[in-house]
Amino acid sequence: MCYRLLIGVAALCIQLSYAAECDKCPVKVELDSGPVCGRVLLAENSTQYHSFRGIPYAKPPVGNRRFRAPESPDPWTEPLDASVEGPACPQRDIFYGILPMQIRGQSEDCLYANVHVPANVDCSGDGDSGLPVLVFIHGGAFTSGSGNSDMYGPEYLVREGVVIVTFNYRLGVFGFLSLNTEEVPGNAGLRDMIELLKWVQRNIRAFGGNPDNVTLMGQSAGAASVHLLSISKAAKGLFKQVIQLSGTAVPSFFTGSRAYSDNVNKMFFTELGIESTDPAAVYQQLLNTPLNQLIYASEKVQYNTGLCTFVPIIEDEITGVTRVLEDDPINLIGEGRGKDYPTLLSFTTDEAEVFRYLILVFNLVERAQQNPALGLPPRISFGVPAEEAATLAAALQQKYLNGTVTLDALISVLTNSLFNHAAFKFAEWRSLLGGAPLYFHQFSYKSEFSPLKYGLWIDYDGAAHAEDLTYILRVNSALQDYVSFPPKTKDDNMKEWMTNMIINFIRCSNPTCMADDVSPWPPVSKDNIRYQDSVGPAYKLTEMTPEQTDMVQFYDSIDAQIR
């Protein structure tokens, strides 16, 4: 056994010489940094699993380590209590309503991982032995969220024989500020993700997982991060395949341009009263600025910039720094980066519906009426001169807004400009590049009970951003214990269908490989971009609609202005 199982009757504890440990440490794992004690918990249908929470995968990024690349954690000798998840990284959450519980609050000391393991796993042997591993990167516009089980519970997947790893990474200014220096090159959040993946490679066998069979999955900004890592030389060899839900590295809801970064930095430094233009002086001032002031200034900037503020950036060459992103993602994709990863790419029909309340809070309808460029992806508005951006924005307004911005029309525009156009383009490019298969999926199921609607106190008609994820990872803060969707309805069947799709892909790089009597789901090809449309718990292979084709062609014409 790869870890000592200490549960059972007292006689077993005595036999194994663990009598004193039994109550203190139900399950124990030896990691490269020290021993860890987890808990035995129940998944659905009273299935037991072993949960190890709040394991440090890097040193706390505090003091002089604020903004710097992560470092491996210091070792320990006494068993580490891994029964409670670590604190979330500093943030001012505007996305998730009442869903996040953050039992341990927030702290800059936040680089913790959670590992959930099926009970009675045996990891003896080498080579291909061990269970498949799913590493999940949470979303939140690079500014909020955590990997904790209040929103991303493992209960649906862990009972299917998969090791689940979730984790926190630095967000906002802490994770994505760039001064273009050795101390603050940018992309600290992406570097945290790479450090976590290296930690998984070193330690996952102790949990019964196979380090050669790691699937990297993300949603929204997490999906964009997955894609960015798949085209980064710095992450090469750390995972086998990818699942991207509502996010790509194709710049849509964010842009990695230096012009955008400089603009955000200028607003941020103004809020903090930092006037120096010397990066070394700015760095020292930022190190000395209290956490709450950094968060408050970030919040002010976010109101002026939209959903995203500090985001992944294209890095310049800096002595002593390994670049994570060395060129425009579009160029790297065009070179064939990432094409050898089997990919499951998914989007929802009504992505931006989840932002309905935020659009009102940010007064975006009125602001978009006054400045139509707000409807453009940031890569456009920061990629062309202001006059050109105004012309393109006018074309967008004429085509989709009929000259007047309404809430519903703006939601439709943002769905396409921030999410769905990028998904279709990535699918198209992969079909032309060849390489490993890419399976394309649209989630259009209308939930009877939606944890998102419950948590955000909103209502909408359709399948919004993150709606699909609630059928894959359990939203524990919105659901009763050990119950999927009370009462059992077709939502439960949809959850089983989505779970099977993900499990199939994890096991054999094909979302239907273990299914019986189903319609074929071919990967995209250069002759046809087709996708499975999940209207319900059934397979429905679908051609692009005329509206989708027209949308892609329109945004392509806009993109052509900056290439």
Protein backbone atom coordinates (compact mmCIF):
# COMPACT_ATOMS: atom_id res chain seq x y z
CA MET A 1 0.00 0.00 0.00
CA CYS A 2 1.24 3.49 -0.79
CA TYR A 3 -0.05 4.92 2.47
CA ARG A 4 -0.87 3.46 5.83
CA LEU A 5 -4.58 2.93 6.33
CA LEU A 6 -5.28 3.31 10.02
CA ILE A 7 -9.03 2.96 10.12
CA GLY A 8 -10.72 -0.19 11.39
CA VAL A 9 -11.12 -1.94 14.68
CA ALA A 10 -8.77 -1.40 17.56
CA ALA A 11 -7.27 -4.87 17.07
CA LEU A 12 -6.12 -3.87 13.62
CA CYS A 13 -4.52 -0.75 15.03
CA ILE A 14 -2.66 -2.78 17.63
CA GLN A 15 -1.61 -5.35 15.05
CA LEU A 16 -0.13 -2.61 12.89
CA SER A 17 1.39 -0.82 15.90
CA TYR A 18 -0.71 2.26 15.24
CA ALA A 19 -2.90 2.24 18.33
CA ALA A 20 -1.75 5.66 19.49
CA GLU A 21 -2.07 7.08 16.00
CA CYS A 22 -5.47 5.68 15.05
CA ASP A 23 -7.58 8.54 16.30
CA LYS A 24 -5.09 11.24 15.38
CA CYS A 25 -4.21 10.05 11.91
CA PRO A 26 -6.83 7.93 10.10
CA VAL A 27 -4.78 7.86 6.89
CA LYS A 28 -1.13 8.75 6.54
CA VAL A 29 1.09 9.55 3.57
CA GLU A 30 4.86 10.04 3.40
CA LEU A 31 5.71 12.89 1.01
CA ASP A 32 9.11 14.15 -0.05
CA SER A 33 8.73 16.99 2.45
CA GLY A 34 7.30 14.99 5.36
CA PRO A 35 4.41 12.89 6.70
CA VAL A 36 0.80 14.00 6.18
CA CYS A 37 -2.37 12.91 8.00
CA GLY A 38 -5.68 12.95 6.13
CA ARG A 39 -9.28 11.99 6.77
CA VAL A 40 -11.73 9.32 5.66
CA LEU A 41 -14.80 10.99 4.13
CA LEU A 42 -17.91 9.98 2.25
CA ALA A 43 -18.60 10.71 -1.38
CA GLU A 44 -21.94 10.05 -3.05
CA ASN A 45 -23.77 6.81 -2.31
CA SER A 46 -21.75 6.55 0.92
CA THR A 47 -18.58 5.73 -1.00
CA GLN A 48 -15.51 6.26 1.16
CA TYR A 49 -12.54 8.27 0.01
CA HIS A 50 -9.40 9.63 1.64
CA SER A 51 -8.93 13.38 1.70
CA PHE A 52 -5.69 15.27 2.34
CA ARG A 53 -6.26 19.01 2.52
CA GLY A 54 -4.08 22.05 3.01
CA ILE A 55 -0.75 20.48 2.02
CA PRO A 56 1.90 23.14 1.28
CA TYR A 57 3.35 22.66 -2.19
CA ALA A 58 5.59 25.75 -1.97
CA LYS A 59 7.01 28.10 0.62
CA PRO A 60 4.66 30.88 1.74
CA PRO A 61 5.05 33.75 -0.78
CA VAL A 62 5.33 36.37 1.95
CA GLY A 63 7.83 39.10 2.79
CA ASN A 64 10.53 39.30 0.13
CA ARG A 65 8.94 36.33 -1.66
CA ARG A 66 5.86 38.41 -2.52
CA PHE A 67 5.62 38.47 -6.36
CA ARG A 68 8.61 36.12 -6.77
CA ALA A 69 8.63 32.64 -8.32
CA PRO A 70 7.56 29.90 -5.87
CA GLU A 71 10.08 27.76 -4.02
CA SER A 72 9.74 24.18 -2.79
CA PRO A 73 8.40 23.93 0.79
CA ASP A 74 10.67 23.41 3.77
CA PRO A 75 10.57 19.82 5.08
CA TRP A 76 8.90 18.80 8.32
CA THR A 77 9.25 15.75 10.56
CA GLU A 78 6.05 15.58 12.62
CA PRO A 79 2.85 14.44 10.86
CA LEU A 80 1.11 17.41 9.24
CA ASP A 81 -2.61 17.74 9.94
CA ALA A 82 -4.16 17.72 6.47
CA SER A 83 -7.78 17.68 7.58
CA VAL A 84 -8.63 21.29 6.70
CA GLU A 85 -8.05 23.20 3.48
CA GLY A 86 -5.66 26.12 3.44
CA PRO A 87 -6.71 29.77 3.26
CA ALA A 88 -7.66 31.28 -0.08
CA CYS A 89 -5.20 33.65 -1.73
CA PRO A 90 -5.89 37.38 -1.17
CA GLN A 91 -8.77 38.67 -3.28
CA ARG A 92 -11.94 40.71 -3.32
CA ASP A 93 -14.39 38.21 -4.76
CA ILE A 94 -17.09 39.69 -6.99
CA PHE A 95 -18.02 36.55 -8.92
CA TYR A 96 -19.24 33.79 -6.65
CA GLY A 97 -21.84 35.34 -4.36
CA ILE A 98 -22.52 33.27 -1.25
CA LEU A 99 -20.92 30.08 -2.60
CA PRO A 100 -17.34 30.47 -1.26
CA MET A 101 -17.09 29.52 2.42
CA GLN A 102 -13.35 30.16 2.96
CA ILE A 103 -13.28 28.40 6.31
CA ARG A 104 -9.71 29.55 6.98
CA GLY A 105 -10.18 32.98 5.42
CA GLN A 106 -7.55 34.56 3.18
CA SER A 107 -3.80 34.90 3.52
CA GLU A 108 -0.74 35.54 1.39
CA ASP A 109 0.39 32.20 2.81
CA CYS A 110 -1.97 30.36 0.48
CA LEU A 111 -0.04 27.92 -1.73
CA TYR A 112 -1.76 24.73 -0.62
CA ALA A 113 -2.93 21.61 -2.42
CA ASN A 114 -5.77 19.20 -1.71
CA VAL A 115 -5.58 15.55 -2.78
CA HIS A 116 -8.61 13.25 -2.80
CA VAL A 117 -8.06 9.52 -3.24
CA PRO A 118 -10.41 6.54 -3.69
CA ALA A 119 -10.38 4.28 -0.64
CA ASN A 120 -8.28 1.10 -0.67
CA VAL A 121 -6.08 2.24 -3.53
CA ASP A 122 -3.04 0.09 -4.19
CA CYS A 123 -0.03 1.80 -5.74
CA SER A 124 2.52 -1.00 -5.60
CA GLY A 125 4.69 -1.36 -8.67
CA ASP A 126 6.08 0.96 -11.28
CA GLY A 127 5.51 1.90 -14.91
CA ASP A 128 1.86 2.22 -15.82
CA SER A 129 0.59 1.29 -12.35
CA GLY A 130 -1.40 3.73 -10.30
CA LEU A 131 -4.66 5.53 -10.82
CA PRO A 132 -5.17 8.31 -13.35
CA VAL A 133 -4.80 11.79 -11.89
CA LEU A 134 -6.90 14.89 -12.50
CA VAL A 135 -5.37 18.25 -11.59
CA PHE A 136 -7.94 21.05 -11.60
CA ILE A 137 -7.17 24.78 -12.01
CA HIS A 138 -9.98 27.00 -10.76
CA GLY A 139 -11.27 30.05 -12.61
CA GLY A 140 -12.16 33.56 -11.46
CA ALA A 141 -10.74 35.99 -14.05
CA PHE A 142 -7.26 35.53 -12.52
CA THR A 143 -8.49 37.66 -9.60
CA SER A 144 -10.61 35.43 -7.35
CA GLY A 145 -11.50 31.89 -6.34
CA SER A 146 -9.75 28.94 -4.72
CA GLY A 147 -9.39 25.23 -5.31
CA ASN A 148 -11.27 24.32 -2.16
CA SER A 149 -14.17 21.89 -1.94
CA ASP A 150 -16.83 24.47 -1.08
CA MET A 151 -17.20 24.96 -4.84
CA TYR A 152 -15.04 22.21 -6.34
CA GLY A 153 -15.82 19.07 -4.39
CA PRO A 154 -14.29 15.77 -5.58
CA GLU A 155 -17.28 13.60 -4.67
CA TYR A 156 -18.55 12.93 -8.21
CA LEU A 157 -15.21 11.87 -9.67
CA VAL A 158 -13.25 10.29 -6.82
CA ARG A 159 -15.70 7.39 -6.59
CA GLU A 160 -14.83 6.54 -10.22
CA GLY A 161 -11.24 5.60 -9.44
CA VAL A 162 -9.46 8.89 -10.12
CA VAL A 163 -7.08 10.83 -7.86
CA ILE A 164 -8.24 14.47 -7.72
CA VAL A 165 -5.85 17.35 -7.03
CA THR A 166 -7.05 20.92 -6.49
CA PHE A 167 -4.99 23.87 -5.28
CA ASN A 168 -4.68 27.61 -4.79
CA TYR A 169 -2.45 29.91 -6.81
CA ARG A 170 -1.68 33.60 -6.43
CA LEU A 171 -4.28 35.93 -7.88
CA GLY A 172 -4.59 39.50 -9.05
CA VAL A 173 -1.65 41.78 -8.35
CA PHE A 174 0.12 39.02 -6.36
CA GLY A 175 -0.11 36.54 -9.19
CA PHE A 176 0.12 38.62 -12.35
CA LEU A 177 1.77 41.99 -11.72
CA SER A 178 4.75 42.49 -14.02
CA LEU A 179 7.50 45.06 -13.57
CA ASN A 180 9.53 43.34 -16.28
CA THR A 181 12.34 42.71 -13.78
CA GLU A 182 14.01 39.66 -12.25
CA GLU A 183 12.10 40.24 -8.99
CA VAL A 184 8.70 40.71 -10.67
CA PRO A 185 8.80 39.25 -14.20
CA GLY A 186 5.06 38.56 -14.13
CA ASN A 187 3.03 35.36 -14.32
CA ALA A 188 3.72 34.34 -10.71
CA GLY A 189 0.33 32.61 -10.73
CA LEU A 190 1.32 30.50 -13.73
CA ARG A 191 4.62 29.71 -12.02
CA ASP A 192 2.64 28.53 -8.98
CA MET A 193 0.72 26.15 -11.26
CA ILE A 194 3.96 24.76 -12.69
CA GLU A 195 5.35 24.32 -9.17
CA LEU A 196 2.20 22.41 -8.22
CA LEU A 197 2.54 20.15 -11.26
CA LYS A 198 6.17 19.43 -10.34
CA TRP A 199 5.00 18.64 -6.79
CA VAL A 200 2.46 16.20 -8.27
CA GLN A 201 5.19 14.49 -10.29
CA ARG A 202 7.27 14.00 -7.13
CA ASN A 203 4.51 12.95 -4.77
CA ILE A 204 1.43 11.56 -6.49
CA ARG A 205 2.59 7.92 -6.30
CA ALA A 206 2.36 8.21 -2.52
CA PHE A 207 -1.38 8.74 -3.02
CA GLY A 208 -1.74 5.87 -5.48
CA GLY A 209 -1.66 8.07 -8.59
CA ASN A 210 0.32 7.62 -11.79
CA PRO A 211 2.53 10.65 -12.57
CA ASP A 212 2.62 9.58 -16.21
CA ASN A 213 -1.17 9.80 -16.49
CA VAL A 214 -2.03 13.34 -15.40
CA THR A 215 -4.96 15.18 -16.97
CA LEU A 216 -4.92 18.96 -16.51
CA MET A 217 -8.40 20.49 -16.37
CA GLY A 218 -9.47 24.10 -15.90
CA GLN A 219 -12.53 26.29 -16.21
CA SER A 220 -12.65 29.91 -17.42
CA ALA A 221 -9.36 31.57 -16.41
CA GLY A 222 -8.33 28.11 -15.24
CA ALA A 223 -8.98 26.74 -18.74
CA ALA A 224 -7.01 29.61 -20.26
CA SER A 225 -4.20 28.73 -17.85
CA VAL A 226 -4.36 25.07 -18.90
CA HIS A 227 -3.99 26.14 -22.52
CA LEU A 228 -1.16 28.56 -21.70
CA LEU A 229 0.71 25.79 -19.88
CA SER A 230 0.20 23.42 -22.79
CA ILE A 231 2.01 25.85 -25.12
CA SER A 232 4.74 26.69 -22.58
CA LYS A 233 8.13 25.00 -22.66
CA ALA A 234 8.33 25.58 -18.90
CA ALA A 235 5.51 23.07 -18.29
CA LYS A 236 6.56 20.45 -20.83
CA GLY A 237 6.33 16.86 -19.58
CA LEU A 238 4.22 17.65 -16.51
CA PHE A 239 0.87 16.36 -17.83
CA LYS A 240 -0.50 14.08 -20.53
CA GLN A 241 -3.73 15.67 -21.79
CA VAL A 242 -6.03 18.63 -21.15
CA ILE A 243 -9.67 19.56 -20.55
CA GLN A 244 -10.63 23.19 -21.18
CA LEU A 245 -14.05 24.42 -20.06
CA SER A 246 -14.92 27.93 -21.32
CA GLY A 247 -11.41 29.22 -21.76
CA THR A 248 -8.47 29.19 -24.16
CA ALA A 249 -5.11 30.89 -24.55
CA VAL A 250 -6.53 32.66 -27.60
CA PRO A 251 -6.74 36.16 -26.08
CA SER A 252 -10.42 36.95 -25.63
CA PHE A 253 -11.38 37.98 -22.09
CA PHE A 254 -7.74 38.90 -21.41
CA THR A 255 -4.72 40.06 -23.37
CA GLY A 256 -1.08 39.46 -22.61
CA SER A 257 0.10 42.64 -24.29
CA ARG A 258 2.61 44.87 -22.56
CA ALA A 259 0.46 47.90 -23.47
CA TYR A 260 -2.44 46.51 -21.45
CA SER A 261 -0.18 45.61 -18.53
CA ASP A 262 1.39 49.07 -18.49
CA ASN A 263 -2.06 50.68 -18.53
CA VAL A 264 -3.25 48.60 -15.56
CA ASN A 265 0.00 49.24 -13.68
CA LYS A 266 -0.34 52.99 -14.17
CA MET A 267 -3.88 53.03 -12.76
CA PHE A 268 -2.85 50.76 -9.89
CA PHE A 269 0.20 52.78 -8.91
CA THR A 270 -1.85 55.98 -9.06
CA GLU A 271 -4.35 54.50 -6.60
CA LEU A 272 -1.47 53.64 -4.27
CA GLY A 273 0.21 57.01 -4.64
CA ILE A 274 3.34 55.49 -6.18
CA GLU A 275 4.95 58.09 -8.45
CA SER A 276 8.36 56.56 -9.11
CA THR A 277 9.10 55.07 -12.53
CA ASP A 278 12.14 53.16 -11.27
CA PRO A 279 11.16 49.45 -11.10
CA ALA A 280 13.45 48.80 -8.12
CA ALA A 281 11.88 51.64 -6.13
CA VAL A 282 8.37 50.57 -7.12
CA TYR A 283 9.16 47.01 -6.03
CA GLN A 284 10.30 48.13 -2.58
CA GLN A 285 7.20 50.28 -2.14
CA LEU A 286 4.98 47.35 -3.10
CA LEU A 287 6.76 45.08 -0.62
CA ASN A 288 6.11 47.62 2.13
CA THR A 289 2.46 48.26 1.23
CA PRO A 290 -0.04 46.52 3.55
CA LEU A 291 -2.14 43.76 2.06
CA ASN A 292 -5.47 45.54 2.50
CA GLN A 293 -4.24 48.59 0.57
CA LEU A 294 -3.14 46.43 -2.35
CA ILE A 295 -6.53 44.72 -2.43
CA TYR A 296 -8.43 48.01 -2.24
CA ALA A 297 -6.41 49.57 -5.06
CA SER A 298 -6.93 46.44 -7.16
CA GLU A 299 -10.67 46.68 -6.61
CA LYS A 300 -10.71 50.29 -7.82
CA VAL A 301 -8.76 49.35 -10.95
CA GLN A 302 -11.04 46.40 -11.66
CA TYR A 303 -14.08 48.65 -11.73
CA ASN A 304 -12.40 50.72 -14.44
CA THR A 305 -11.01 47.84 -16.52
CA GLY A 306 -13.79 45.26 -16.31
CA LEU A 307 -13.71 41.65 -15.18
CA CYS A 308 -9.94 41.16 -15.47
CA THR A 309 -7.14 43.38 -14.21
CA PHE A 310 -3.77 41.69 -13.72
CA VAL A 311 -3.51 38.81 -16.18
CA PRO A 312 -0.89 36.56 -17.83
CA ILE A 313 1.60 38.57 -19.84
CA ILE A 314 4.04 37.92 -22.66
CA GLU A 315 7.45 38.00 -20.96
CA ASP A 316 10.60 39.67 -22.19
CA GLU A 317 13.93 37.88 -21.83
CA ILE A 318 15.33 38.54 -18.36
CA THR A 319 18.62 37.10 -17.10
CA GLY A 320 18.02 34.36 -14.55
CA VAL A 321 14.30 34.01 -15.32
CA THR A 322 12.70 31.09 -17.15
CA ARG A 323 9.92 32.50 -19.27
CA VAL A 324 6.49 30.89 -19.07
CA LEU A 325 5.01 32.81 -22.00
CA GLU A 326 7.57 34.10 -24.50
CA ASP A 327 5.31 35.12 -27.38
CA ASP A 328 1.72 35.88 -28.33
CA PRO A 329 -0.28 32.68 -27.69
CA ILE A 330 -1.73 32.90 -31.21
CA ASN A 331 1.79 32.69 -32.64
CA LEU A 332 2.72 29.78 -30.38
CA ILE A 333 -0.45 27.89 -31.32
CA GLY A 334 0.33 28.54 -34.97
CA GLU A 335 3.78 27.00 -34.48
CA GLY A 336 2.08 23.83 -33.29
CA ARG A 337 2.71 24.27 -29.57
CA GLY A 338 0.33 22.07 -27.58
CA LYS A 339 -1.03 20.17 -30.57
CA ASP A 340 0.20 16.84 -29.23
CA TYR A 341 -1.99 16.98 -26.12
CA PRO A 342 -5.33 15.15 -26.48
CA THR A 343 -7.89 17.87 -25.75
CA LEU A 344 -11.50 18.10 -24.64
CA LEU A 345 -12.70 21.65 -25.36
CA SER A 346 -16.08 22.83 -24.11
CA PHE A 347 -18.17 26.00 -24.08
CA THR A 348 -21.69 26.92 -22.96
CA THR A 349 -24.43 28.50 -25.04
CA ASP A 350 -25.01 31.50 -22.79
CA GLU A 351 -21.65 32.12 -21.12
CA ALA A 352 -22.10 35.76 -20.09
CA GLU A 353 -25.49 35.20 -18.42
CA VAL A 354 -23.59 34.46 -15.23
CA PHE A 355 -22.34 38.07 -15.27
CA ARG A 356 -25.84 39.59 -15.50
CA TYR A 357 -25.65 41.03 -12.00
CA LEU A 358 -22.04 42.21 -12.41
CA ILE A 359 -22.92 43.99 -15.64
CA LEU A 360 -25.43 46.01 -13.66
CA VAL A 361 -23.00 46.63 -10.78
CA PHE A 362 -20.31 47.83 -13.19
CA ASN A 363 -22.91 49.90 -15.07
CA LEU A 364 -21.65 48.33 -18.29
CA VAL A 365 -24.81 48.91 -20.32
CA GLU A 366 -24.55 52.68 -20.02
CA ARG A 367 -20.76 52.60 -20.32
CA ALA A 368 -20.95 50.47 -23.48
CA GLN A 369 -23.47 52.88 -24.97
CA GLN A 370 -21.03 55.74 -24.39
CA ASN A 371 -17.96 53.70 -25.37
CA PRO A 372 -18.85 50.81 -27.71
CA ALA A 373 -15.23 49.57 -27.57
CA LEU A 374 -16.12 47.95 -24.23
CA GLY A 375 -17.79 45.21 -26.26
CA LEU A 376 -14.54 44.37 -28.02
CA PRO A 377 -12.09 41.77 -26.69
CA PRO A 378 -9.17 43.50 -24.89
CA ARG A 379 -6.72 42.20 -27.49
CA ILE A 380 -8.54 44.40 -30.04
CA SER A 381 -9.03 47.53 -27.98
CA PHE A 382 -5.36 47.46 -26.89
CA GLY A 383 -4.03 46.12 -30.19
CA VAL A 384 -5.01 48.93 -32.57
CA PRO A 385 -5.02 52.75 -32.38
CA ALA A 386 -8.00 54.33 -30.63
CA GLU A 387 -9.55 55.57 -33.89
CA GLU A 388 -9.41 52.09 -35.40
CA ALA A 389 -10.87 50.53 -32.25
CA ALA A 390 -13.75 53.02 -32.43
CA THR A 391 -14.45 52.01 -36.04
CA LEU A 392 -14.45 48.31 -35.17
CA ALA A 393 -16.65 48.96 -32.13
CA ALA A 394 -19.12 50.83 -34.32
CA ALA A 395 -19.28 47.83 -36.66
CA LEU A 396 -19.93 45.56 -33.67
CA GLN A 397 -22.65 47.85 -32.36
CA GLN A 398 -24.34 48.06 -35.74
CA LYS A 399 -24.33 44.29 -36.27
CA TYR A 400 -25.40 43.07 -32.83
CA LEU A 401 -26.77 46.02 -30.85
CA ASN A 402 -28.84 47.87 -33.45
CA GLY A 403 -27.40 51.15 -32.23
CA THR A 404 -28.85 50.75 -28.72
CA VAL A 405 -27.20 48.74 -25.96
CA THR A 406 -29.57 46.62 -23.87
CA LEU A 407 -28.68 44.21 -21.08
CA ASP A 408 -29.71 41.10 -23.03
CA ALA A 409 -27.95 42.23 -26.20
CA LEU A 410 -24.75 43.05 -24.31
CA ILE A 411 -24.80 39.63 -22.63
CA SER A 412 -25.04 38.00 -26.06
CA VAL A 413 -22.15 40.10 -27.41
CA LEU A 414 -19.94 39.31 -24.40
CA THR A 415 -20.72 35.60 -24.71
CA ASN A 416 -19.27 35.60 -28.20
CA SER A 417 -16.48 38.17 -27.89
CA LEU A 418 -15.07 36.90 -24.59
CA PHE A 419 -15.60 33.16 -24.94
CA ASN A 420 -17.22 31.41 -27.86
CA HIS A 421 -15.39 32.94 -30.80
CA ALA A 422 -12.07 31.94 -29.23
CA ALA A 423 -13.34 28.38 -28.69
CA PHE A 424 -14.34 27.98 -32.34
CA LYS A 425 -11.06 29.47 -33.56
CA PHE A 426 -8.97 27.19 -31.38
CA ALA A 427 -10.94 24.16 -32.59
CA GLU A 428 -10.43 25.29 -36.19
CA TRP A 429 -6.68 25.84 -35.75
CA ARG A 430 -6.19 22.46 -34.11
CA SER A 431 -8.08 20.78 -36.94
CA LEU A 432 -5.62 22.32 -39.41
CA LEU A 433 -2.50 21.61 -37.35
CA GLY A 434 -3.17 17.91 -36.93
CA GLY A 435 -1.61 16.20 -33.94
CA ALA A 436 -3.61 14.68 -31.10
CA PRO A 437 -7.43 14.64 -31.30
CA LEU A 438 -9.51 17.57 -30.05
CA TYR A 439 -13.07 16.78 -29.00
CA PHE A 440 -15.43 19.76 -29.14
CA HIS A 441 -18.42 20.11 -26.81
CA GLN A 442 -21.25 22.57 -26.22
CA PHE A 443 -23.14 22.55 -22.92
CA SER A 444 -26.68 23.80 -23.48
CA TYR A 445 -28.59 21.94 -20.77
CA LYS A 446 -31.05 24.03 -18.75
CA SER A 447 -30.76 23.02 -15.11
CA GLU A 448 -33.77 22.41 -12.92
CA PHE A 449 -31.68 23.33 -9.88
CA SER A 450 -28.68 25.56 -10.51
CA PRO A 451 -26.12 26.06 -7.73
CA LEU A 452 -24.98 29.18 -9.60
CA LYS A 453 -28.41 30.77 -9.63
CA TYR A 454 -28.78 29.86 -5.97
CA GLY A 455 -25.39 31.25 -4.98
CA LEU A 456 -25.55 34.41 -7.08
CA TRP A 457 -29.23 35.18 -6.45
CA ILE A 458 -29.86 35.56 -10.17
CA ASP A 459 -32.08 33.98 -12.78
CA TYR A 460 -31.60 33.47 -16.49
CA ASP A 461 -32.72 31.20 -19.27
CA GLY A 462 -29.99 29.02 -20.72
CA ALA A 463 -26.65 27.45 -19.85
CA ALA A 464 -24.32 30.03 -18.35
CA HIS A 465 -20.59 30.19 -17.69
CA ALA A 466 -19.52 27.49 -15.18
CA GLU A 467 -22.91 25.76 -15.32
CA ASP A 468 -21.27 22.70 -16.89
CA LEU A 469 -18.65 22.49 -14.15
CA THR A 470 -21.33 22.08 -11.45
CA TYR A 471 -22.07 18.67 -12.99
CA ILE A 472 -18.43 17.61 -12.75
CA LEU A 473 -17.19 19.02 -9.43
CA ARG A 474 -19.68 19.22 -6.58
CA VAL A 475 -20.74 22.65 -5.27
CA ASN A 476 -20.84 21.53 -1.64
CA SER A 477 -21.82 24.94 -0.30
CA ALA A 478 -25.09 24.80 -2.26
CA LEU A 479 -26.00 21.10 -1.95
CA GLN A 480 -27.09 18.93 0.93
CA ASP A 481 -24.67 16.34 2.27
CA TYR A 482 -24.28 13.31 0.00
CA VAL A 483 -27.17 14.43 -2.20
CA SER A 484 -26.56 15.50 -5.79
CA PHE A 485 -29.56 17.57 -6.74
CA PRO A 486 -32.44 17.38 -4.27
CA PRO A 487 -34.73 15.71 -5.11
CA LYS A 488 -33.33 13.25 -7.66
CA THR A 489 -34.41 14.49 -11.07
CA LYS A 490 -33.10 14.67 -14.61
CA ASP A 491 -30.35 16.93 -13.22
CA ASP A 492 -28.98 13.81 -11.54
CA ASN A 493 -28.95 12.00 -14.87
CA MET A 494 -27.16 14.95 -16.43
CA LYS A 495 -24.56 14.84 -13.69
CA GLU A 496 -23.95 11.15 -14.35
CA TRP A 497 -23.63 11.83 -18.08
CA MET A 498 -21.15 14.69 -17.61
CA THR A 499 -19.16 12.69 -15.07
CA ASN A 500 -18.90 9.76 -17.47
CA MET A 501 -17.75 12.06 -20.27
CA ILE A 502 -14.93 13.41 -18.11
CA ILE A 503 -13.97 10.02 -16.66
CA ASN A 504 -13.83 8.45 -20.12
CA PHE A 505 -11.52 11.18 -21.36
CA ILE A 506 -9.29 10.90 -18.29
CA ARG A 507 -8.99 7.13 -18.71
CA CYS A 508 -8.44 6.83 -22.44
CA SER A 509 -8.25 10.30 -24.05
CA ASN A 510 -11.67 9.81 -25.63
CA PRO A 511 -14.95 11.03 -24.06
CA THR A 512 -16.91 7.98 -25.30
CA CYS A 513 -14.36 5.18 -25.04
CA MET A 514 -16.16 3.31 -22.24
CA ALA A 515 -19.71 4.07 -23.38
CA ASP A 516 -22.05 1.51 -24.96
CA ASP A 517 -24.49 2.10 -27.80
CA VAL A 518 -23.74 5.79 -28.31
CA SER A 519 -23.47 7.91 -31.38
CA PRO A 520 -19.87 8.48 -32.50
CA TRP A 521 -18.03 11.55 -31.30
CA PRO A 522 -15.28 12.20 -33.82
CA PRO A 523 -12.57 14.77 -33.10
CA VAL A 524 -12.61 17.96 -35.13
CA SER A 525 -11.16 17.69 -38.62
CA LYS A 526 -10.11 20.17 -41.26
CA ASP A 527 -13.21 19.19 -43.23
CA ASN A 528 -15.74 19.75 -40.47
CA ILE A 529 -15.92 21.50 -37.08
CA ARG A 530 -18.62 19.51 -35.33
CA TYR A 531 -19.37 19.29 -31.63
CA GLN A 532 -21.47 17.30 -29.20
CA ASP A 533 -24.38 19.42 -28.00
CA SER A 534 -25.40 18.48 -24.46
CA VAL A 535 -29.02 19.57 -24.50
CA GLY A 536 -29.61 16.68 -22.11
CA PRO A 537 -27.93 13.46 -20.96
CA ALA A 538 -27.50 12.13 -24.49
CA TYR A 539 -25.09 12.42 -27.41
CA LYS A 540 -26.05 14.80 -30.20
CA LEU A 541 -23.41 15.45 -32.82
CA THR A 542 -24.07 18.91 -34.25
CA GLU A 543 -22.91 21.07 -37.13
CA MET A 544 -22.11 24.73 -36.59
CA THR A 545 -25.31 26.75 -36.81
CA PRO A 546 -25.62 29.57 -39.37
CA GLU A 547 -25.54 32.04 -36.46
CA GLN A 548 -22.29 30.56 -35.15
CA THR A 549 -20.72 30.57 -38.61
CA ASP A 550 -21.70 34.20 -39.10
CA MET A 551 -20.38 35.12 -35.65
CA VAL A 552 -17.01 33.50 -36.32
CA GLN A 553 -16.69 35.22 -39.69
CA PHE A 554 -17.54 38.61 -38.19
CA TYR A 555 -15.00 38.37 -35.37
CA ASP A 556 -12.44 37.00 -37.82
CA SER A 557 -12.85 40.18 -39.84
CA ILE A 558 -12.16 42.23 -36.71
CA ASP A 559 -9.15 40.10 -35.78
CA ALA A 560 -7.73 40.63 -39.23
CA GLN A 561 -7.16 44.28 -38.33
CA ILE A 562 -4.43 43.44 -35.80
CA ARG A 563 -2.61 40.61 -37.55
